[in-house]
Amino acid sequence: AQNEEGKSLKGILLSDSERSARQEIKSKNL
């Protein structure tokens, strides 16, 4: 993902589904 400053970030997220994972990443303003 990319933050507001344009920096690329990598990570691993534990989630029920890909949709939930996408929502959680979006909620972090990424």
PDB file of all heavy atoms in Angstrom:
ATOM      1  N   ALA A   1       0.841  -1.199   0.000  1.00  0.00           N
ATOM      2  CA  ALA A   1       0.000   0.000   0.000  1.00  0.00           C
ATOM      3  C   ALA A   1       0.874   1.246   0.000  1.00  0.00           C
ATOM      4  O   ALA A   1       2.091   1.179   0.216  1.00  0.00           O
ATOM      5  CB  ALA A   1      -0.931  -0.002   1.203  1.00  0.00           C
ATOM      6  N   GLN A   2       0.247   2.360  -0.229  1.00  0.00           N
ATOM      7  CA  GLN A   2       0.956   3.644  -0.282  1.00  0.00           C
ATOM      8  C   GLN A   2       0.300   4.599   0.702  1.00  0.00           C
ATOM      9  O   GLN A   2      -0.923   4.736   0.728  1.00  0.00           O
ATOM     10  CB  GLN A   2       0.878   4.192  -1.708  1.00  0.00           C
ATOM     11  CG  GLN A   2       1.893   5.273  -2.027  1.00  0.00           C
ATOM     12  CD  GLN A   2       1.837   5.647  -3.502  1.00  0.00           C
ATOM     13  OE1 GLN A   2       0.830   6.183  -3.971  1.00  0.00           O
ATOM     14  NE2 GLN A   2       2.897   5.361  -4.237  1.00  0.00           N
ATOM     15  N   ASN A   3       1.125   5.259   1.536  1.00  0.00           N
ATOM     16  CA  ASN A   3       0.555   6.208   2.490  1.00  0.00           C
ATOM     17  C   ASN A   3       0.366   7.574   1.855  1.00  0.00           C
ATOM     18  O   ASN A   3       0.652   7.766   0.664  1.00  0.00           O
ATOM     19  CB  ASN A   3       1.406   6.283   3.763  1.00  0.00           C
ATOM     20  CG  ASN A   3       2.814   6.822   3.507  1.00  0.00           C
ATOM     21  OD1 ASN A   3       3.083   7.409   2.455  1.00  0.00           O
ATOM     22  ND2 ASN A   3       3.699   6.613   4.474  1.00  0.00           N
ATOM     23  N   GLU A   4      -0.101   8.545   2.646  1.00  0.00           N
ATOM     24  CA  GLU A   4      -0.417   9.870   2.112  1.00  0.00           C
ATOM     25  C   GLU A   4       0.819  10.616   1.593  1.00  0.00           C
ATOM     26  O   GLU A   4       0.710  11.523   0.777  1.00  0.00           O
ATOM     27  CB  GLU A   4      -1.113  10.704   3.200  1.00  0.00           C
ATOM     28  CG  GLU A   4      -2.500  10.161   3.559  1.00  0.00           C
ATOM     29  CD  GLU A   4      -3.123  10.893   4.732  1.00  0.00           C
ATOM     30  OE1 GLU A   4      -2.350  11.531   5.494  1.00  0.00           O
ATOM     31  OE2 GLU A   4      -4.355  10.843   4.884  1.00  0.00           O
ATOM     32  N   GLU A   5       2.003  10.187   2.086  1.00  0.00           N
ATOM     33  CA  GLU A   5       3.246  10.826   1.652  1.00  0.00           C
ATOM     34  C   GLU A   5       3.832  10.167   0.409  1.00  0.00           C
ATOM     35  O   GLU A   5       4.894  10.568  -0.072  1.00  0.00           O
ATOM     36  CB  GLU A   5       4.270  10.791   2.791  1.00  0.00           C
ATOM     37  CG  GLU A   5       3.800  11.551   4.034  1.00  0.00           C
ATOM     38  CD  GLU A   5       4.692  11.283   5.237  1.00  0.00           C
ATOM     39  OE1 GLU A   5       5.601  10.421   5.124  1.00  0.00           O
ATOM     40  OE2 GLU A   5       4.469  11.915   6.285  1.00  0.00           O
ATOM     41  N   GLY A   6       3.143   9.124  -0.090  1.00  0.00           N
ATOM     42  CA  GLY A   6       3.608   8.442  -1.296  1.00  0.00           C
ATOM     43  C   GLY A   6       4.589   7.322  -1.033  1.00  0.00           C
ATOM     44  O   GLY A   6       5.130   6.717  -1.968  1.00  0.00           O
ATOM     45  N   LYS A   7       4.823   6.991   0.250  1.00  0.00           N
ATOM     46  CA  LYS A   7       5.764   5.934   0.602  1.00  0.00           C
ATOM     47  C   LYS A   7       5.078   4.572   0.529  1.00  0.00           C
ATOM     48  O   LYS A   7       3.959   4.396   1.017  1.00  0.00           O
ATOM     49  CB  LYS A   7       6.297   6.172   2.013  1.00  0.00           C
ATOM     50  CG  LYS A   7       7.362   5.187   2.446  1.00  0.00           C
ATOM     51  CD  LYS A   7       7.846   5.505   3.856  1.00  0.00           C
ATOM     52  CE  LYS A   7       8.873   4.485   4.326  1.00  0.00           C
ATOM     53  NZ  LYS A   7       9.332   4.757   5.717  1.00  0.00           N
ATOM     54  N   SER A   8       5.758   3.594  -0.099  1.00  0.00           N
ATOM     55  CA  SER A   8       5.198   2.239  -0.217  1.00  0.00           C
ATOM     56  C   SER A   8       5.401   1.476   1.081  1.00  0.00           C
ATOM     57  O   SER A   8       6.481   1.525   1.693  1.00  0.00           O
ATOM     58  CB  SER A   8       5.869   1.482  -1.363  1.00  0.00           C
ATOM     59  OG  SER A   8       5.488   2.030  -2.591  1.00  0.00           O
ATOM     60  N   LEU A   9       4.351   0.780   1.489  1.00  0.00           N
ATOM     61  CA  LEU A   9       4.396  -0.018   2.715  1.00  0.00           C
ATOM     62  C   LEU A   9       3.982  -1.444   2.408  1.00  0.00           C
ATOM     63  O   LEU A   9       3.066  -1.688   1.617  1.00  0.00           O
ATOM     64  CB  LEU A   9       3.436   0.572   3.768  1.00  0.00           C
ATOM     65  CG  LEU A   9       3.657   2.027   4.178  1.00  0.00           C
ATOM     66  CD1 LEU A   9       2.495   2.491   5.037  1.00  0.00           C
ATOM     67  CD2 LEU A   9       4.953   2.171   4.951  1.00  0.00           C
ATOM     68  N   LYS A  10       4.674  -2.404   3.038  1.00  0.00           N
ATOM     69  CA  LYS A  10       4.331  -3.815   2.900  1.00  0.00           C
ATOM     70  C   LYS A  10       3.907  -4.349   4.255  1.00  0.00           C
ATOM     71  O   LYS A  10       4.414  -3.901   5.292  1.00  0.00           O
ATOM     72  CB  LYS A  10       5.517  -4.633   2.378  1.00  0.00           C
ATOM     73  CG  LYS A  10       5.934  -4.301   0.955  1.00  0.00           C
ATOM     74  CD  LYS A  10       7.088  -5.190   0.512  1.00  0.00           C
ATOM     75  CE  LYS A  10       7.511  -4.869  -0.917  1.00  0.00           C
ATOM     76  NZ  LYS A  10       8.656  -5.715  -1.342  1.00  0.00           N
ATOM     77  N   GLY A  11       2.992  -5.304   4.264  1.00  0.00           N
ATOM     78  CA  GLY A  11       2.567  -5.872   5.531  1.00  0.00           C
ATOM     79  C   GLY A  11       1.742  -7.117   5.356  1.00  0.00           C
ATOM     80  O   GLY A  11       1.374  -7.495   4.238  1.00  0.00           O
ATOM     81  N   ILE A  12       1.470  -7.777   6.489  1.00  0.00           N
ATOM     82  CA  ILE A  12       0.619  -8.972   6.520  1.00  0.00           C
ATOM     83  C   ILE A  12      -0.524  -8.691   7.482  1.00  0.00           C
ATOM     84  O   ILE A  12      -0.303  -8.215   8.608  1.00  0.00           O
ATOM     85  CB  ILE A  12       1.401 -10.223   6.956  1.00  0.00           C
ATOM     86  CG1 ILE A  12       2.449 -10.587   5.898  1.00  0.00           C
ATOM     87  CG2 ILE A  12       0.450 -11.396   7.177  1.00  0.00           C
ATOM     88  CD1 ILE A  12       3.335 -11.761   6.274  1.00  0.00           C
ATOM     89  N   LEU A  13      -1.731  -8.962   7.044  1.00  0.00           N
ATOM     90  CA  LEU A  13      -2.928  -8.646   7.819  1.00  0.00           C
ATOM     91  C   LEU A  13      -3.748  -9.907   8.031  1.00  0.00           C
ATOM     92  O   LEU A  13      -3.977 -10.678   7.097  1.00  0.00           O
ATOM     93  CB  LEU A  13      -3.762  -7.603   7.066  1.00  0.00           C
ATOM     94  CG  LEU A  13      -4.968  -6.998   7.769  1.00  0.00           C
ATOM     95  CD1 LEU A  13      -4.515  -6.170   8.964  1.00  0.00           C
ATOM     96  CD2 LEU A  13      -5.741  -6.123   6.800  1.00  0.00           C
ATOM     97  N   LEU A  14      -4.150 -10.141   9.275  1.00  0.00           N
ATOM     98  CA  LEU A  14      -5.017 -11.267   9.610  1.00  0.00           C
ATOM     99  C   LEU A  14      -6.463 -10.807   9.503  1.00  0.00           C
ATOM    100  O   LEU A  14      -6.870  -9.863  10.182  1.00  0.00           O
ATOM    101  CB  LEU A  14      -4.720 -11.745  11.037  1.00  0.00           C
ATOM    102  CG  LEU A  14      -5.323 -13.065  11.516  1.00  0.00           C
ATOM    103  CD1 LEU A  14      -4.734 -14.233  10.741  1.00  0.00           C
ATOM    104  CD2 LEU A  14      -5.067 -13.251  13.003  1.00  0.00           C
ATOM    105  N   SER A  15      -7.261 -11.460   8.626  1.00  0.00           N
ATOM    106  CA  SER A  15      -8.637 -11.002   8.412  1.00  0.00           C
ATOM    107  C   SER A  15      -9.525 -12.145   7.952  1.00  0.00           C
ATOM    108  O   SER A  15      -9.043 -13.166   7.461  1.00  0.00           O
ATOM    109  CB  SER A  15      -8.653  -9.889   7.363  1.00  0.00           C
ATOM    110  OG  SER A  15      -9.925  -9.307   7.268  1.00  0.00           O
ATOM    111  N   ASP A  16     -10.854 -11.955   8.142  1.00  0.00           N
ATOM    112  CA  ASP A  16     -11.831 -12.978   7.753  1.00  0.00           C
ATOM    113  C   ASP A  16     -11.854 -13.209   6.254  1.00  0.00           C
ATOM    114  O   ASP A  16     -12.012 -14.333   5.792  1.00  0.00           O
ATOM    115  CB  ASP A  16     -13.240 -12.543   8.191  1.00  0.00           C
ATOM    116  CG  ASP A  16     -13.603 -13.116   9.545  1.00  0.00           C
ATOM    117  OD1 ASP A  16     -12.870 -13.988  10.005  1.00  0.00           O
ATOM    118  OD2 ASP A  16     -14.606 -12.683  10.122  1.00  0.00           O
ATOM    119  N   SER A  17     -11.752 -12.147   5.475  1.00  0.00           N
ATOM    120  CA  SER A  17     -11.880 -12.241   4.028  1.00  0.00           C
ATOM    121  C   SER A  17     -11.072 -11.126   3.374  1.00  0.00           C
ATOM    122  O   SER A  17     -10.639 -10.179   4.043  1.00  0.00           O
ATOM    123  CB  SER A  17     -13.351 -12.105   3.618  1.00  0.00           C
ATOM    124  OG  SER A  17     -13.835 -10.822   3.978  1.00  0.00           O
ATOM    125  N   GLU A  18     -10.891 -11.236   2.051  1.00  0.00           N
ATOM    126  CA  GLU A  18     -10.156 -10.195   1.330  1.00  0.00           C
ATOM    127  C   GLU A  18     -10.897  -8.866   1.412  1.00  0.00           C
ATOM    128  O   GLU A  18     -10.278  -7.804   1.524  1.00  0.00           O
ATOM    129  CB  GLU A  18      -9.968 -10.610  -0.135  1.00  0.00           C
ATOM    130  CG  GLU A  18      -9.126  -9.628  -0.929  1.00  0.00           C
ATOM    131  CD  GLU A  18      -8.847 -10.084  -2.343  1.00  0.00           C
ATOM    132  OE1 GLU A  18      -8.633 -11.287  -2.560  1.00  0.00           O
ATOM    133  OE2 GLU A  18      -8.861  -9.215  -3.243  1.00  0.00           O
ATOM    134  N   ARG A  19     -12.240  -8.931   1.387  1.00  0.00           N
ATOM    135  CA  ARG A  19     -13.028  -7.702   1.473  1.00  0.00           C
ATOM    136  C   ARG A  19     -12.794  -6.996   2.800  1.00  0.00           C
ATOM    137  O   ARG A  19     -12.587  -5.778   2.839  1.00  0.00           O
ATOM    138  CB  ARG A  19     -14.510  -8.042   1.310  1.00  0.00           C
ATOM    139  CG  ARG A  19     -15.415  -6.823   1.378  1.00  0.00           C
ATOM    140  CD  ARG A  19     -16.864  -7.224   1.252  1.00  0.00           C
ATOM    141  NE  ARG A  19     -17.732  -6.060   1.328  1.00  0.00           N
ATOM    142  CZ  ARG A  19     -19.053  -6.117   1.302  1.00  0.00           C
ATOM    143  NH1 ARG A  19     -19.660  -7.275   1.166  1.00  0.00           N
ATOM    144  NH2 ARG A  19     -19.780  -5.027   1.381  1.00  0.00           N
ATOM    145  N   SER A  20     -12.781  -7.764   3.898  1.00  0.00           N
ATOM    146  CA  SER A  20     -12.527  -7.181   5.221  1.00  0.00           C
ATOM    147  C   SER A  20     -11.120  -6.601   5.297  1.00  0.00           C
ATOM    148  O   SER A  20     -10.906  -5.541   5.889  1.00  0.00           O
ATOM    149  CB  SER A  20     -12.716  -8.235   6.312  1.00  0.00           C
ATOM    150  OG  SER A  20     -14.042  -8.693   6.344  1.00  0.00           O
ATOM    151  N   ALA A  21     -10.157  -7.315   4.687  1.00  0.00           N
ATOM    152  CA  ALA A  21      -8.776  -6.838   4.681  1.00  0.00           C
ATOM    153  C   ALA A  21      -8.666  -5.518   3.922  1.00  0.00           C
ATOM    154  O   ALA A  21      -7.987  -4.582   4.363  1.00  0.00           O
ATOM    155  CB  ALA A  21      -7.867  -7.889   4.057  1.00  0.00           C
ATOM    156  N   ARG A  22      -9.346  -5.435   2.774  1.00  0.00           N
ATOM    157  CA  ARG A  22      -9.333  -4.198   1.982  1.00  0.00           C
ATOM    158  C   ARG A  22      -9.927  -3.031   2.773  1.00  0.00           C
ATOM    159  O   ARG A  22      -9.407  -1.915   2.748  1.00  0.00           O
ATOM    160  CB  ARG A  22     -10.128  -4.402   0.683  1.00  0.00           C
ATOM    161  CG  ARG A  22      -9.387  -5.243  -0.356  1.00  0.00           C
ATOM    162  CD  ARG A  22     -10.261  -5.486  -1.581  1.00  0.00           C
ATOM    163  NE  ARG A  22      -9.565  -6.254  -2.591  1.00  0.00           N
ATOM    164  CZ  ARG A  22      -8.762  -5.746  -3.516  1.00  0.00           C
ATOM    165  NH1 ARG A  22      -8.561  -4.439  -3.566  1.00  0.00           N
ATOM    166  NH2 ARG A  22      -8.166  -6.516  -4.412  1.00  0.00           N
ATOM    167  N   GLN A  23     -11.044  -3.309   3.486  1.00  0.00           N
ATOM    168  CA  GLN A  23     -11.691  -2.261   4.284  1.00  0.00           C
ATOM    169  C   GLN A  23     -10.767  -1.771   5.399  1.00  0.00           C
ATOM    170  O   GLN A  23     -10.690  -0.572   5.685  1.00  0.00           O
ATOM    171  CB  GLN A  23     -12.993  -2.788   4.887  1.00  0.00           C
ATOM    172  CG  GLN A  23     -14.121  -2.953   3.877  1.00  0.00           C
ATOM    173  CD  GLN A  23     -15.383  -3.499   4.513  1.00  0.00           C
ATOM    174  OE1 GLN A  23     -15.342  -4.071   5.594  1.00  0.00           O
ATOM    175  NE2 GLN A  23     -16.501  -3.343   3.833  1.00  0.00           N
ATOM    176  N   GLU A  24     -10.055  -2.716   6.039  1.00  0.00           N
ATOM    177  CA  GLU A  24      -9.170  -2.342   7.141  1.00  0.00           C
ATOM    178  C   GLU A  24      -8.001  -1.496   6.646  1.00  0.00           C
ATOM    179  O   GLU A  24      -7.602  -0.525   7.297  1.00  0.00           O
ATOM    180  CB  GLU A  24      -8.658  -3.606   7.833  1.00  0.00           C
ATOM    181  CG  GLU A  24      -7.952  -3.314   9.141  1.00  0.00           C
ATOM    182  CD  GLU A  24      -7.795  -4.543   9.998  1.00  0.00           C
ATOM    183  OE1 GLU A  24      -8.515  -5.521   9.774  1.00  0.00           O
ATOM    184  OE2 GLU A  24      -6.935  -4.515  10.882  1.00  0.00           O
ATOM    185  N   ILE A  25      -7.453  -1.861   5.486  1.00  0.00           N
ATOM    186  CA  ILE A  25      -6.346  -1.085   4.907  1.00  0.00           C
ATOM    187  C   ILE A  25      -6.833   0.315   4.526  1.00  0.00           C
ATOM    188  O   ILE A  25      -6.162   1.319   4.776  1.00  0.00           O
ATOM    189  CB  ILE A  25      -5.759  -1.823   3.687  1.00  0.00           C
ATOM    190  CG1 ILE A  25      -5.064  -3.112   4.146  1.00  0.00           C
ATOM    191  CG2 ILE A  25      -4.771  -0.936   2.931  1.00  0.00           C
ATOM    192  CD1 ILE A  25      -4.767  -4.096   3.039  1.00  0.00           C
ATOM    193  N   LYS A  26      -8.036   0.381   3.948  1.00  0.00           N
ATOM    194  CA  LYS A  26      -8.614   1.669   3.554  1.00  0.00           C
ATOM    195  C   LYS A  26      -8.863   2.551   4.769  1.00  0.00           C
ATOM    196  O   LYS A  26      -8.684   3.775   4.716  1.00  0.00           O
ATOM    197  CB  LYS A  26      -9.920   1.418   2.792  1.00  0.00           C
ATOM    198  CG  LYS A  26     -10.503   2.665   2.132  1.00  0.00           C
ATOM    199  CD  LYS A  26     -11.736   2.317   1.310  1.00  0.00           C
ATOM    200  CE  LYS A  26     -12.330   3.562   0.657  1.00  0.00           C
ATOM    201  NZ  LYS A  26     -13.542   3.242  -0.138  1.00  0.00           N
ATOM    202  N   SER A  27      -9.262   1.930   5.894  1.00  0.00           N
ATOM    203  CA  SER A  27      -9.543   2.695   7.111  1.00  0.00           C
ATOM    204  C   SER A  27      -8.282   3.323   7.704  1.00  0.00           C
ATOM    205  O   SER A  27      -8.363   4.235   8.519  1.00  0.00           O
ATOM    206  CB  SER A  27     -10.219   1.799   8.157  1.00  0.00           C
ATOM    207  OG  SER A  27      -9.310   0.849   8.680  1.00  0.00           O
ATOM    208  N   LYS A  28      -7.117   2.824   7.307  1.00  0.00           N
ATOM    209  CA  LYS A  28      -5.843   3.383   7.779  1.00  0.00           C
ATOM    210  C   LYS A  28      -5.333   4.500   6.872  1.00  0.00           C
ATOM    211  O   LYS A  28      -4.177   4.920   6.985  1.00  0.00           O
ATOM    212  CB  LYS A  28      -4.795   2.272   7.866  1.00  0.00           C
ATOM    213  CG  LYS A  28      -5.108   1.198   8.900  1.00  0.00           C
ATOM    214  CD  LYS A  28      -4.058   0.090   8.876  1.00  0.00           C
ATOM    215  CE  LYS A  28      -4.382  -0.993   9.892  1.00  0.00           C
ATOM    216  NZ  LYS A  28      -3.408  -2.113   9.848  1.00  0.00           N
ATOM    217  N   ASN A  29      -6.209   4.946   5.954  1.00  0.00           N
ATOM    218  CA  ASN A  29      -5.850   6.016   4.998  1.00  0.00           C
ATOM    219  C   ASN A  29      -4.682   5.617   4.105  1.00  0.00           C
ATOM    220  O   ASN A  29      -3.794   6.423   3.806  1.00  0.00           O
ATOM    221  CB  ASN A  29      -5.516   7.323   5.738  1.00  0.00           C
ATOM    222  CG  ASN A  29      -6.732   7.888   6.451  1.00  0.00           C
ATOM    223  OD1 ASN A  29      -7.848   7.838   5.935  1.00  0.00           O
ATOM    224  ND2 ASN A  29      -6.521   8.408   7.653  1.00  0.00           N
ATOM    225  N   LEU A  30      -4.678   4.346   3.703  1.00  0.00           N
ATOM    226  CA  LEU A  30      -3.643   3.839   2.801  1.00  0.00           C
ATOM    227  C   LEU A  30      -4.263   3.530   1.443  1.00  0.00           C
ATOM    228  O   LEU A  30      -5.412   3.083   1.361  1.00  0.00           O
ATOM    229  CB  LEU A  30      -2.999   2.566   3.366  1.00  0.00           C
ATOM    230  CG  LEU A  30      -2.255   2.705   4.703  1.00  0.00           C
ATOM    231  CD1 LEU A  30      -1.799   1.334   5.196  1.00  0.00           C
ATOM    232  CD2 LEU A  30      -1.062   3.637   4.577  1.00  0.00           C
TER     233      LEU A  30
END
